[in-house]
Amino acid sequence: MSKLSRRDFFVTSSVAFGSLTHTFAQNTPAPAAPPQPTQTSFDPLRGSVGVFSGRGGTIGMLVAQDGVVIVDTQFPDTAKTAFDSLRGWTPRTIDILINTHHHGDHTSGNSVFRPSAIKHVAHRNVPALQRAQAAAAQSEAQQVYAETTFDTAWSENVGKETVSLKYYGPGHTSGDSVVTFQNANIVHMGDLMFYLRNPRVDRAGGASIKNWIVTLESVAKEHPADTIYIAGHSKANLPITVARADLLKFRDYFSGLLAYVQKGIASGRSAAEIVKVAAVPGFADYEGSPEGTIQAAYEELTAKG
């Protein structure tokens, strides 16, 4: 999957300024400033859309003369790095701030971006989930919540781009939005896509592995073959962007996970016994311990009602 050069991205998105001498990767602080996150690069993709890796869930950005959109905000420190560099590109107000779901590594930087955003959007379940999470962590004072919410679909034109959000039902949580930049043909999956990493399944937040499988299949079916998908997280040193085949491999991971756990249940094994495995069978290349994911699958398959 090829990427535009930084120069081509600036030209394509019409964001370049004659005196611009720094980009996200080059915007380093003065020696006296606090240390910045290890990874602060901005990677342009196509159609004025790119990604900021930083730390936590991937930030997606549309940056053009006629529109700016931010998808997810990571943590306050990385959000500030991204925001300060954005201001080096354009003084334009952020048209839309989007949260793909409520987890802190996607929403804790809301306070940095929200004052400069016209609209803040998320699925209707996100504010309540975020409030419950904040109450448990006693961090209510630091939270900023979306004021614009939707049930199943939402769309708005931003300059020459059309940004759409769709809810496919419970997956990673019960409030996951799939964000599509239609003209650029780029889809931000939030944490509905973990690339070669054992995922978090937030059962307390309403997750459903069974419907997550359906969601991945539906997203892959509804978008063109050359769509670029932005993952919420990826295995160390691997790209954060993936293709349709990677979505379907992740679907197969979940199918294999459920089959493995169901077989263990049928044989009379306990959850403690079933989770004692180094990897989900057939997916040894997935990073991290699978224990939490297997436990979540066991709970889902044995849930009453």
Protein backbone atom coordinates (compact mmCIF):
# COMPACT_ATOMS: atom_id res chain seq x y z
CA MET A 1 0.00 0.00 0.00
CA SER A 2 1.75 3.17 -1.16
CA LYS A 3 1.74 6.46 0.71
CA LEU A 4 2.06 9.99 -0.55
CA SER A 5 5.25 11.79 0.26
CA ARG A 6 4.87 14.63 2.73
CA ARG A 7 5.40 17.14 -0.07
CA ASP A 8 2.75 15.49 -2.26
CA PHE A 9 0.36 15.41 0.68
CA PHE A 10 0.75 19.13 1.29
CA VAL A 11 0.18 19.89 -2.40
CA THR A 12 -2.79 17.55 -2.69
CA SER A 13 -4.52 18.89 0.43
CA SER A 14 -3.64 22.54 -0.33
CA VAL A 15 -2.34 23.04 3.19
CA ALA A 16 1.24 24.02 2.37
CA PHE A 17 2.42 27.46 3.34
CA GLY A 18 5.39 29.19 1.74
CA SER A 19 7.11 29.73 5.05
CA LEU A 20 6.24 26.37 6.60
CA THR A 21 9.41 24.77 7.90
CA HIS A 22 8.10 22.02 10.16
CA THR A 23 5.74 19.08 10.03
CA PHE A 24 4.38 16.82 12.76
CA ALA A 25 7.57 14.78 12.73
CA GLN A 26 9.78 17.87 12.82
CA ASN A 27 7.93 19.95 15.41
CA THR A 28 10.28 19.32 18.32
CA PRO A 29 10.23 21.38 21.52
CA ALA A 30 12.93 23.76 22.72
CA PRO A 31 15.51 22.11 25.00
CA ALA A 32 13.81 23.49 28.13
CA ALA A 33 10.39 22.06 27.22
CA PRO A 34 9.08 18.82 28.76
CA PRO A 35 10.03 15.67 26.84
CA GLN A 36 7.64 14.74 24.07
CA PRO A 37 6.19 11.24 23.40
CA THR A 38 8.55 8.80 21.73
CA GLN A 39 6.48 8.61 18.55
CA THR A 40 5.16 11.94 17.25
CA SER A 41 5.04 11.38 13.51
CA PHE A 42 2.17 12.30 11.21
CA ASP A 43 1.80 9.93 8.28
CA PRO A 44 -0.15 11.24 5.26
CA LEU A 45 -2.32 8.69 3.46
CA ARG A 46 -4.40 10.20 0.65
CA GLY A 47 -7.07 12.78 -0.04
CA SER A 48 -5.90 15.17 2.73
CA VAL A 49 -6.28 12.40 5.32
CA GLY A 50 -3.51 11.05 7.52
CA VAL A 51 -2.78 9.49 10.90
CA PHE A 52 -0.94 10.55 14.03
CA SER A 53 0.49 7.63 15.99
CA GLY A 54 1.63 9.16 19.26
CA ARG A 55 0.56 6.97 22.19
CA GLY A 56 -2.77 5.20 22.54
CA GLY A 57 -5.50 4.84 19.93
CA THR A 58 -4.60 6.15 16.50
CA ILE A 59 -5.66 9.73 15.72
CA GLY A 60 -7.10 10.24 12.23
CA MET A 61 -6.99 13.70 10.64
CA LEU A 62 -8.48 15.45 7.65
CA VAL A 63 -6.47 18.64 7.08
CA ALA A 64 -7.44 20.80 4.10
CA GLN A 65 -8.02 24.48 3.37
CA ASP A 66 -11.77 23.89 3.37
CA GLY A 67 -12.08 21.55 6.34
CA VAL A 68 -10.44 19.98 9.39
CA VAL A 69 -11.64 16.81 11.13
CA ILE A 70 -10.05 15.02 14.09
CA VAL A 71 -10.87 11.39 14.94
CA ASP A 72 -9.95 10.39 18.53
CA THR A 73 -7.61 12.31 20.82
CA GLN A 74 -5.35 9.91 22.78
CA PHE A 75 -3.98 11.47 25.99
CA PRO A 76 -3.52 15.15 26.96
CA ASP A 77 0.23 15.17 26.26
CA THR A 78 0.06 13.52 22.84
CA ALA A 79 -3.07 15.50 21.98
CA LYS A 80 -1.17 18.72 22.68
CA THR A 81 1.71 17.60 20.45
CA ALA A 82 -0.74 16.87 17.64
CA PHE A 83 -2.72 20.06 18.18
CA ASP A 84 0.33 22.33 18.31
CA SER A 85 1.62 20.84 15.09
CA LEU A 86 -1.81 21.18 13.48
CA ARG A 87 -1.69 24.87 14.27
CA GLY A 88 1.64 25.00 12.44
CA TRP A 89 -0.23 23.86 9.34
CA THR A 90 -3.43 25.84 9.52
CA PRO A 91 -5.21 28.27 11.85
CA ARG A 92 -8.58 26.97 10.65
CA THR A 93 -11.15 25.97 13.25
CA ILE A 94 -11.69 22.22 13.61
CA ASP A 95 -15.01 21.48 11.92
CA ILE A 96 -15.67 18.13 13.61
CA LEU A 97 -14.12 16.28 16.54
CA ILE A 98 -15.09 12.59 16.62
CA ASN A 99 -14.66 9.89 19.27
CA THR A 100 -14.90 6.35 17.91
CA HIS A 101 -15.72 5.06 21.43
CA HIS A 102 -15.31 5.98 25.12
CA HIS A 103 -11.97 4.47 26.20
CA GLY A 104 -9.47 6.84 27.77
CA ASP A 105 -6.72 6.32 25.20
CA HIS A 106 -9.16 7.69 22.60
CA THR A 107 -10.90 10.44 24.62
CA SER A 108 -8.51 11.79 27.28
CA GLY A 109 -7.21 14.42 24.86
CA ASN A 110 -10.70 15.79 24.16
CA SER A 111 -9.99 18.74 26.45
CA VAL A 112 -7.15 19.81 24.16
CA PHE A 113 -9.07 19.73 20.87
CA ARG A 114 -12.64 20.56 21.92
CA PRO A 115 -12.19 24.32 22.55
CA SER A 116 -11.18 24.73 18.90
CA ALA A 117 -13.88 22.47 17.45
CA ILE A 118 -17.30 23.47 16.17
CA LYS A 119 -18.91 20.08 16.72
CA HIS A 120 -18.10 17.00 18.84
CA VAL A 121 -19.67 13.73 17.68
CA ALA A 122 -19.94 10.15 18.96
CA HIS A 123 -22.45 7.30 19.13
CA ARG A 124 -25.24 7.97 21.62
CA ASN A 125 -23.93 5.34 24.07
CA VAL A 126 -20.48 6.92 24.36
CA PRO A 127 -21.14 9.80 26.82
CA ALA A 128 -22.77 7.51 29.41
CA LEU A 129 -20.03 4.90 29.06
CA GLN A 130 -17.38 7.60 29.36
CA ARG A 131 -19.06 9.05 32.45
CA ALA A 132 -19.21 5.63 34.12
CA GLN A 133 -15.55 5.04 33.31
CA ALA A 134 -14.60 8.47 34.67
CA ALA A 135 -16.59 7.91 37.87
CA ALA A 136 -14.80 4.63 38.49
CA ALA A 137 -11.43 6.34 37.97
CA GLN A 138 -12.48 9.50 39.83
CA SER A 139 -11.47 11.56 36.80
CA GLU A 140 -14.75 13.34 36.03
CA ALA A 141 -13.14 16.79 36.11
CA GLN A 142 -10.83 15.95 33.21
CA GLN A 143 -13.56 14.63 30.89
CA VAL A 144 -15.08 16.29 27.83
CA TYR A 145 -18.10 14.58 26.28
CA ALA A 146 -19.60 14.64 22.80
CA GLU A 147 -22.69 16.86 22.53
CA THR A 148 -23.81 15.57 19.12
CA THR A 149 -24.80 11.89 19.12
CA PHE A 150 -26.48 9.48 16.71
CA ASP A 151 -28.21 6.09 16.77
CA THR A 152 -27.18 4.21 13.62
CA ALA A 153 -25.73 6.66 11.08
CA TRP A 154 -24.54 10.26 10.79
CA SER A 155 -22.96 12.20 7.94
CA GLU A 156 -21.77 15.72 7.15
CA ASN A 157 -19.96 17.46 4.30
CA VAL A 158 -16.70 19.12 5.30
CA GLY A 159 -15.40 21.11 2.39
CA LYS A 160 -14.95 18.71 -0.51
CA GLU A 161 -14.99 15.67 1.79
CA THR A 162 -17.96 13.76 3.19
CA VAL A 163 -17.46 12.27 6.64
CA SER A 164 -19.86 9.54 7.74
CA LEU A 165 -20.23 7.55 10.97
CA LYS A 166 -22.00 4.21 11.30
CA TYR A 167 -22.85 2.02 14.27
CA TYR A 168 -23.04 -1.70 13.57
CA GLY A 169 -24.11 -2.77 17.04
CA PRO A 170 -21.94 -3.97 19.94
CA GLY A 171 -18.38 -5.02 19.14
CA HIS A 172 -15.35 -3.80 21.05
CA THR A 173 -17.84 -1.84 23.19
CA SER A 174 -21.51 -0.91 22.76
CA GLY A 175 -20.64 2.47 21.24
CA ASP A 176 -18.15 1.91 18.40
CA SER A 177 -18.35 4.18 15.35
CA VAL A 178 -16.83 3.30 12.00
CA VAL A 179 -15.72 6.62 10.46
CA THR A 180 -15.51 6.91 6.67
CA PHE A 181 -13.85 9.67 4.67
CA GLN A 182 -15.83 8.91 1.54
CA ASN A 183 -13.89 10.78 -1.14
CA ALA A 184 -10.50 9.74 0.21
CA ASN A 185 -11.82 6.16 0.58
CA ILE A 186 -10.30 5.84 4.05
CA VAL A 187 -12.07 4.21 7.01
CA HIS A 188 -11.08 4.77 10.65
CA MET A 189 -12.06 1.63 12.55
CA GLY A 190 -11.19 2.77 16.06
CA ASP A 191 -10.69 -0.29 18.24
CA LEU A 192 -12.87 -2.46 16.06
CA MET A 193 -9.55 -3.22 14.36
CA PHE A 194 -6.48 -4.46 16.24
CA TYR A 195 -3.80 -5.37 13.70
CA LEU A 196 -2.02 -8.56 14.79
CA ARG A 197 -2.63 -7.82 18.48
CA ASN A 198 -4.85 -9.68 20.91
CA PRO A 199 -7.69 -7.20 21.40
CA ARG A 200 -9.49 -5.91 24.45
CA VAL A 201 -13.09 -7.08 24.63
CA ASP A 202 -14.87 -4.67 26.98
CA ARG A 203 -17.76 -6.75 28.28
CA ALA A 204 -18.54 -4.19 30.97
CA GLY A 205 -18.87 -1.68 28.14
CA GLY A 206 -21.31 -3.88 26.24
CA ALA A 207 -18.94 -5.75 23.92
CA SER A 208 -20.03 -8.68 21.74
CA ILE A 209 -17.53 -10.92 19.99
CA LYS A 210 -20.26 -12.55 17.92
CA ASN A 211 -21.47 -9.23 16.57
CA TRP A 212 -17.89 -7.98 16.20
CA ILE A 213 -17.45 -10.76 13.62
CA VAL A 214 -20.56 -9.58 11.78
CA THR A 215 -19.33 -5.98 11.91
CA LEU A 216 -15.97 -6.79 10.34
CA GLU A 217 -17.68 -8.74 7.56
CA SER A 218 -20.15 -5.91 6.94
CA VAL A 219 -17.50 -3.20 6.82
CA ALA A 220 -15.37 -5.22 4.41
CA LYS A 221 -18.40 -5.84 2.18
CA GLU A 222 -19.62 -2.24 2.15
CA HIS A 223 -16.36 -0.58 1.08
CA PRO A 224 -14.31 -0.82 -2.14
CA ALA A 225 -11.46 -3.28 -2.45
CA ASP A 226 -8.83 -0.53 -2.32
CA THR A 227 -10.12 1.11 0.87
CA ILE A 228 -7.45 2.02 3.41
CA TYR A 229 -8.47 1.04 6.95
CA ILE A 230 -6.99 2.76 10.00
CA ALA A 231 -6.59 0.43 12.97
CA GLY A 232 -6.91 1.62 16.54
CA HIS A 233 -3.80 -0.35 17.49
CA SER A 234 -1.23 -2.52 15.75
CA LYS A 235 1.54 -4.91 16.67
CA ALA A 236 4.82 -3.18 17.51
CA ASN A 237 6.71 -1.91 14.46
CA LEU A 238 3.89 -2.72 12.05
CA PRO A 239 1.80 -0.20 10.08
CA ILE A 240 -1.35 1.24 11.58
CA THR A 241 -3.09 1.05 8.20
CA VAL A 242 -4.46 -2.21 6.82
CA ALA A 243 -6.43 -3.62 3.90
CA ARG A 244 -9.66 -5.60 3.53
CA ALA A 245 -7.81 -8.90 3.85
CA ASP A 246 -6.56 -7.85 7.28
CA LEU A 247 -10.11 -7.11 8.47
CA LEU A 248 -11.16 -10.56 7.35
CA LYS A 249 -8.17 -12.19 9.04
CA PHE A 250 -9.22 -10.44 12.25
CA ARG A 251 -12.72 -11.83 11.74
CA ASP A 252 -11.19 -15.30 11.39
CA TYR A 253 -9.25 -14.72 14.62
CA PHE A 254 -12.53 -14.19 16.48
CA SER A 255 -14.14 -17.21 14.83
CA GLY A 256 -11.14 -19.31 15.87
CA LEU A 257 -11.30 -17.85 19.38
CA LEU A 258 -14.96 -18.76 19.84
CA ALA A 259 -14.41 -22.24 18.38
CA TYR A 260 -11.50 -22.86 20.75
CA VAL A 261 -13.41 -21.70 23.82
CA GLN A 262 -16.60 -23.54 22.86
CA LYS A 263 -14.62 -26.76 22.44
CA GLY A 264 -13.11 -26.28 25.89
CA ILE A 265 -16.52 -25.67 27.44
CA ALA A 266 -17.98 -28.75 25.75
CA SER A 267 -15.16 -30.88 27.15
CA GLY A 268 -15.92 -29.70 30.68
CA ARG A 269 -12.85 -27.50 31.14
CA SER A 270 -13.03 -24.47 33.42
CA ALA A 271 -12.30 -20.91 32.35
CA ALA A 272 -9.03 -21.06 34.31
CA GLU A 273 -7.96 -24.08 32.27
CA ILE A 274 -9.11 -22.69 28.92
CA VAL A 275 -7.17 -19.42 29.27
CA LYS A 276 -3.91 -21.27 29.93
CA VAL A 277 -2.66 -21.13 26.36
CA ALA A 278 0.12 -19.09 24.79
CA ALA A 279 -1.98 -18.05 21.80
CA VAL A 280 -5.38 -18.50 20.24
CA PRO A 281 -4.85 -21.65 18.12
CA GLY A 282 -3.83 -20.68 14.61
CA PHE A 283 -2.94 -17.10 15.59
CA ALA A 284 0.45 -17.34 17.25
CA ASP A 285 1.57 -14.20 15.40
CA TYR A 286 -0.76 -12.02 17.49
CA GLU A 287 1.05 -9.82 19.98
CA GLY A 288 0.31 -9.85 23.71
CA SER A 289 -1.34 -12.30 26.06
CA PRO A 290 -4.64 -13.73 24.85
CA GLU A 291 -5.84 -14.44 28.40
CA GLY A 292 -8.21 -11.49 28.74
CA THR A 293 -9.69 -12.03 25.31
CA ILE A 294 -10.24 -15.74 25.97
CA GLN A 295 -11.82 -14.97 29.33
CA ALA A 296 -14.22 -12.54 27.64
CA ALA A 297 -15.14 -15.19 25.07
CA TYR A 298 -15.81 -17.71 27.84
CA GLU A 299 -18.07 -15.24 29.65
CA GLU A 300 -19.97 -14.42 26.46
CA LEU A 301 -20.51 -18.08 25.55
CA THR A 302 -21.64 -19.06 29.06
CA ALA A 303 -23.76 -15.96 29.78
CA LYS A 304 -27.31 -16.62 30.91
CA GLY A 305 -30.14 -14.97 29.00
